[in-house]
Amino acid sequence: WNEGPNCIFRRSNVWHVWDLDIDLPQLDTLRRIIPIPRAHTFDEDYYMRGVETGVSNYSNYHWMPEITRLLAQRIMLYLNMGINDTIFDFGCARGFLVKAFREAGRLAFGCDISTWAITNCDPDVTEFVSVADAPKDDYDWIIAKDVFEHIPMPALENTLRILMARALKGLFVIVPLTAEDGGAYVRPDDNLDATHVIRWTLPTWMKFFRQIDPGFVV
């Protein structure tokens, strides 16, 4: 999980860390050559037979407590989360990270656009996750792990603005990276997901985030 940038949006009075003189690439350079029809994305095949069907790098996507609990602990430590801080996992899939946060005593919730994922979420978090494309309330922290690379422009920009408005303390982002804009992902498995439409380097992601909010922190 630490192969992507850990990105936080805060309010405008927070310090700046990067000032990169680069232009964002055009969307046409970031799209897959053969788009995957919507009917075949984020369904049971995507999560349970993705490798076999050539749709994603998932196969039997299930609760892995050792990995997911460690991820939740690392995020809480990195962000110095308070015990009463609320957390929202944007793009929570089957709710496993929400479950890990709740096991750690945090008030965590989540949403996903996949009806299949939410319908088949972990039974421990059924009442805390929902099918939606954005949070409806404010939360101290919003987590977006392996989500933004699936969202084409300009929808990605609109999504970020909504999430930033809902995040009281910060927005924590993890995305896969490429060595060059529009190129292959650094992590080979990320290239197996046919629903990835954004392929950017870390400097390009940084530039994009800071164009939306100059108070971007990494």
Protein backbone atom coordinates (compact mmCIF):
# COMPACT_ATOMS: atom_id res chain seq x y z
CA TRP A 1 0.00 0.00 0.00
CA ASN A 2 2.97 2.33 0.47
CA GLU A 3 3.89 2.32 -3.21
CA GLY A 4 1.52 5.22 -3.85
CA PRO A 5 1.80 8.76 -2.50
CA ASN A 6 0.22 9.46 0.85
CA CYS A 7 -1.56 12.68 0.02
CA ILE A 8 -3.40 14.96 2.39
CA PHE A 9 -5.55 17.99 1.66
CA ARG A 10 -5.83 20.43 4.52
CA ARG A 11 -7.10 23.97 4.83
CA SER A 12 -5.49 26.88 3.01
CA ASN A 13 -3.29 27.98 5.92
CA VAL A 14 -1.21 24.78 5.78
CA TRP A 15 2.35 24.93 4.43
CA HIS A 16 3.28 24.06 0.84
CA VAL A 17 5.84 21.37 0.11
CA TRP A 18 6.18 21.16 -3.69
CA ASP A 19 6.03 23.74 -6.46
CA LEU A 20 6.38 21.88 -9.74
CA ASP A 21 6.48 23.65 -13.09
CA ILE A 22 4.76 21.00 -15.20
CA ASP A 23 1.64 20.75 -17.31
CA LEU A 24 -1.00 18.09 -16.83
CA PRO A 25 -1.19 15.63 -19.73
CA GLN A 26 -4.24 15.53 -21.93
CA LEU A 27 -6.87 12.93 -21.09
CA ASP A 28 -6.46 11.23 -24.48
CA THR A 29 -2.99 10.07 -23.47
CA LEU A 30 -4.33 8.41 -20.33
CA ARG A 31 -7.17 6.25 -21.62
CA ARG A 32 -7.01 2.54 -22.27
CA ILE A 33 -7.00 1.71 -25.98
CA ILE A 34 -9.97 -0.64 -25.54
CA PRO A 35 -12.40 0.63 -22.86
CA ILE A 36 -14.19 -1.96 -20.76
CA PRO A 37 -18.01 -1.73 -20.98
CA ARG A 38 -19.63 -0.41 -17.80
CA ALA A 39 -21.63 -3.62 -17.39
CA HIS A 40 -18.40 -5.52 -16.82
CA THR A 41 -16.83 -3.22 -14.25
CA PHE A 42 -16.95 -3.51 -10.46
CA ASP A 43 -19.25 -6.54 -10.54
CA GLU A 44 -18.66 -10.04 -9.20
CA ASP A 45 -16.23 -10.85 -12.00
CA TYR A 46 -14.18 -7.76 -11.15
CA TYR A 47 -13.70 -8.70 -7.50
CA MET A 48 -13.78 -12.49 -7.55
CA ARG A 49 -12.53 -13.50 -11.03
CA GLY A 50 -10.74 -10.40 -12.25
CA VAL A 51 -7.48 -12.11 -13.16
CA GLU A 52 -9.27 -14.98 -14.86
CA THR A 53 -11.56 -12.69 -16.88
CA GLY A 54 -8.92 -10.05 -17.65
CA VAL A 55 -10.88 -7.26 -15.94
CA SER A 56 -8.79 -6.63 -12.81
CA ASN A 57 -5.94 -7.93 -10.67
CA TYR A 58 -8.37 -9.29 -8.05
CA SER A 59 -9.07 -12.97 -7.51
CA ASN A 60 -11.32 -14.05 -4.65
CA TYR A 61 -11.18 -10.61 -3.04
CA HIS A 62 -11.74 -11.37 0.65
CA TRP A 63 -10.98 -10.22 4.20
CA MET A 64 -7.24 -10.44 4.91
CA PRO A 65 -6.95 -9.37 8.55
CA GLU A 66 -3.14 -9.28 8.87
CA ILE A 67 -2.71 -6.95 5.90
CA THR A 68 -5.78 -4.77 6.36
CA ARG A 69 -5.37 -4.26 10.10
CA LEU A 70 -1.74 -3.24 9.57
CA LEU A 71 -2.80 -0.79 6.84
CA ALA A 72 -5.39 0.78 9.13
CA GLN A 73 -2.86 1.08 11.95
CA ARG A 74 -0.29 2.70 9.67
CA ILE A 75 -2.81 5.23 8.37
CA MET A 76 -3.98 6.13 11.88
CA LEU A 77 -0.39 6.57 13.03
CA TYR A 78 0.64 8.58 9.97
CA LEU A 79 -2.31 10.96 10.34
CA ASN A 80 -2.10 11.06 14.14
CA MET A 81 -5.82 10.34 14.31
CA GLY A 82 -7.63 11.10 17.52
CA ILE A 83 -9.68 8.39 19.18
CA ASN A 84 -12.89 10.35 18.43
CA ASP A 85 -12.02 11.21 14.83
CA THR A 86 -14.53 10.04 12.24
CA ILE A 87 -13.30 8.26 9.10
CA PHE A 88 -14.92 7.76 5.70
CA ASP A 89 -13.50 5.26 3.20
CA PHE A 90 -14.40 6.54 -0.27
CA GLY A 91 -14.46 3.56 -2.65
CA CYS A 92 -14.61 1.08 0.22
CA ALA A 93 -15.39 -1.98 -1.97
CA ARG A 94 -16.49 -4.78 0.39
CA GLY A 95 -15.78 -2.66 3.49
CA PHE A 96 -12.67 -4.41 4.75
CA LEU A 97 -10.76 -1.23 5.65
CA VAL A 98 -13.87 0.12 7.37
CA LYS A 99 -13.94 -3.09 9.40
CA ALA A 100 -10.26 -2.73 10.36
CA PHE A 101 -10.77 0.86 11.52
CA ARG A 102 -13.80 -0.15 13.56
CA GLU A 103 -11.90 -3.03 15.15
CA ALA A 104 -9.38 -0.38 16.23
CA GLY A 105 -12.15 1.56 17.95
CA ARG A 106 -12.68 4.24 15.30
CA LEU A 107 -15.98 5.53 13.94
CA ALA A 108 -15.53 4.48 10.32
CA PHE A 109 -17.95 4.45 7.41
CA GLY A 110 -17.69 4.00 3.66
CA CYS A 111 -19.31 4.04 0.26
CA ASP A 112 -18.74 2.49 -3.15
CA ILE A 113 -20.41 2.73 -6.55
CA SER A 114 -20.41 -1.07 -6.83
CA THR A 115 -23.77 -2.49 -5.85
CA TRP A 116 -22.25 -5.95 -5.86
CA ALA A 117 -19.45 -4.98 -3.46
CA ILE A 118 -21.81 -3.33 -0.96
CA THR A 119 -24.38 -6.12 -1.22
CA ASN A 120 -21.58 -8.59 -0.54
CA CYS A 121 -19.73 -6.51 2.04
CA ASP A 122 -18.29 -7.93 5.23
CA PRO A 123 -21.25 -8.73 7.52
CA ASP A 124 -19.60 -6.81 10.37
CA VAL A 125 -19.97 -3.48 8.50
CA THR A 126 -23.28 -3.87 6.68
CA GLU A 127 -24.86 -0.92 8.49
CA PHE A 128 -21.81 1.31 8.00
CA VAL A 129 -21.34 1.16 4.21
CA SER A 130 -23.62 2.13 1.33
CA VAL A 131 -23.88 2.40 -2.44
CA ALA A 132 -23.06 6.03 -3.30
CA ASP A 133 -20.68 8.11 -5.38
CA ALA A 134 -19.82 10.57 -2.58
CA PRO A 135 -20.20 10.98 1.19
CA LYS A 136 -23.32 12.82 2.27
CA ASP A 137 -21.93 14.13 5.57
CA ASP A 138 -18.73 15.67 6.91
CA TYR A 139 -15.96 13.48 8.39
CA ASP A 140 -12.67 14.29 10.06
CA TRP A 141 -10.75 12.12 7.61
CA ILE A 142 -11.64 10.78 4.17
CA ILE A 143 -9.58 7.90 2.78
CA ALA A 144 -9.33 7.28 -0.97
CA LYS A 145 -7.20 4.18 -1.54
CA ASP A 146 -6.79 2.89 -5.12
CA VAL A 147 -9.78 4.89 -6.32
CA PHE A 148 -8.78 8.01 -8.24
CA GLU A 149 -7.05 6.12 -11.05
CA HIS A 150 -10.48 4.74 -11.99
CA ILE A 151 -12.11 8.17 -12.44
CA PRO A 152 -11.68 9.99 -15.78
CA MET A 153 -11.36 13.75 -16.06
CA PRO A 154 -13.25 16.02 -15.51
CA ALA A 155 -15.19 13.79 -13.11
CA LEU A 156 -12.02 13.30 -11.05
CA GLU A 157 -11.69 17.03 -10.44
CA ASN A 158 -15.34 17.30 -9.43
CA THR A 159 -14.99 14.31 -7.11
CA LEU A 160 -11.96 15.82 -5.41
CA ARG A 161 -13.74 19.09 -4.77
CA ILE A 162 -16.65 17.25 -3.15
CA LEU A 163 -14.37 15.15 -0.96
CA MET A 164 -12.30 18.15 0.07
CA ALA A 165 -15.46 19.97 1.13
CA ARG A 166 -16.50 16.99 3.28
CA ALA A 167 -13.09 16.37 4.91
CA LEU A 168 -12.75 18.42 8.11
CA LYS A 169 -9.11 17.52 8.81
CA GLY A 170 -7.79 15.92 5.66
CA LEU A 171 -8.11 13.70 2.63
CA PHE A 172 -5.68 10.77 2.53
CA VAL A 173 -4.94 9.41 -0.94
CA ILE A 174 -3.14 6.33 -2.26
CA VAL A 175 -2.79 5.85 -6.03
CA PRO A 176 -0.63 3.65 -8.28
CA LEU A 177 2.20 5.47 -10.05
CA THR A 178 3.79 5.36 -13.48
CA ALA A 179 7.34 6.16 -14.53
CA GLU A 180 5.99 8.44 -17.28
CA ASP A 181 2.58 9.95 -17.85
CA GLY A 182 0.39 7.59 -19.85
CA GLY A 183 2.87 4.75 -19.44
CA ALA A 184 2.81 1.47 -17.59
CA TYR A 185 2.40 1.39 -13.83
CA VAL A 186 5.51 0.85 -11.74
CA ARG A 187 3.83 -2.02 -9.89
CA PRO A 188 3.16 -4.72 -12.53
CA ASP A 189 -0.11 -5.94 -11.01
CA ASP A 190 -1.67 -2.51 -11.46
CA ASN A 191 -1.44 -2.94 -15.22
CA LEU A 192 -3.88 -5.86 -15.03
CA ASP A 193 -6.83 -3.64 -14.11
CA ALA A 194 -8.63 -2.66 -17.30
CA THR A 195 -10.69 -0.01 -15.47
CA HIS A 196 -7.68 2.20 -14.74
CA VAL A 197 -7.95 5.37 -16.85
CA ILE A 198 -5.47 7.69 -15.11
CA ARG A 199 -1.77 6.86 -15.51
CA TRP A 200 0.33 9.59 -13.92
CA THR A 201 3.70 10.03 -12.28
CA LEU A 202 3.97 11.33 -8.72
CA PRO A 203 4.91 14.87 -9.88
CA THR A 204 1.82 15.01 -12.12
CA TRP A 205 -0.47 13.85 -9.31
CA MET A 206 1.11 16.46 -7.05
CA LYS A 207 0.59 19.19 -9.61
CA PHE A 208 -3.02 18.16 -10.15
CA PHE A 209 -3.83 18.11 -6.44
CA ARG A 210 -2.22 21.46 -5.80
CA GLN A 211 -4.05 23.07 -8.70
CA ILE A 212 -7.27 22.22 -6.88
CA ASP A 213 -6.03 23.12 -3.38
CA PRO A 214 -2.73 24.96 -2.83
CA GLY A 215 -2.76 23.65 0.74
CA PHE A 216 -1.76 20.19 -0.44
CA VAL A 217 0.60 18.32 1.90
CA VAL A 218 2.59 15.15 1.26
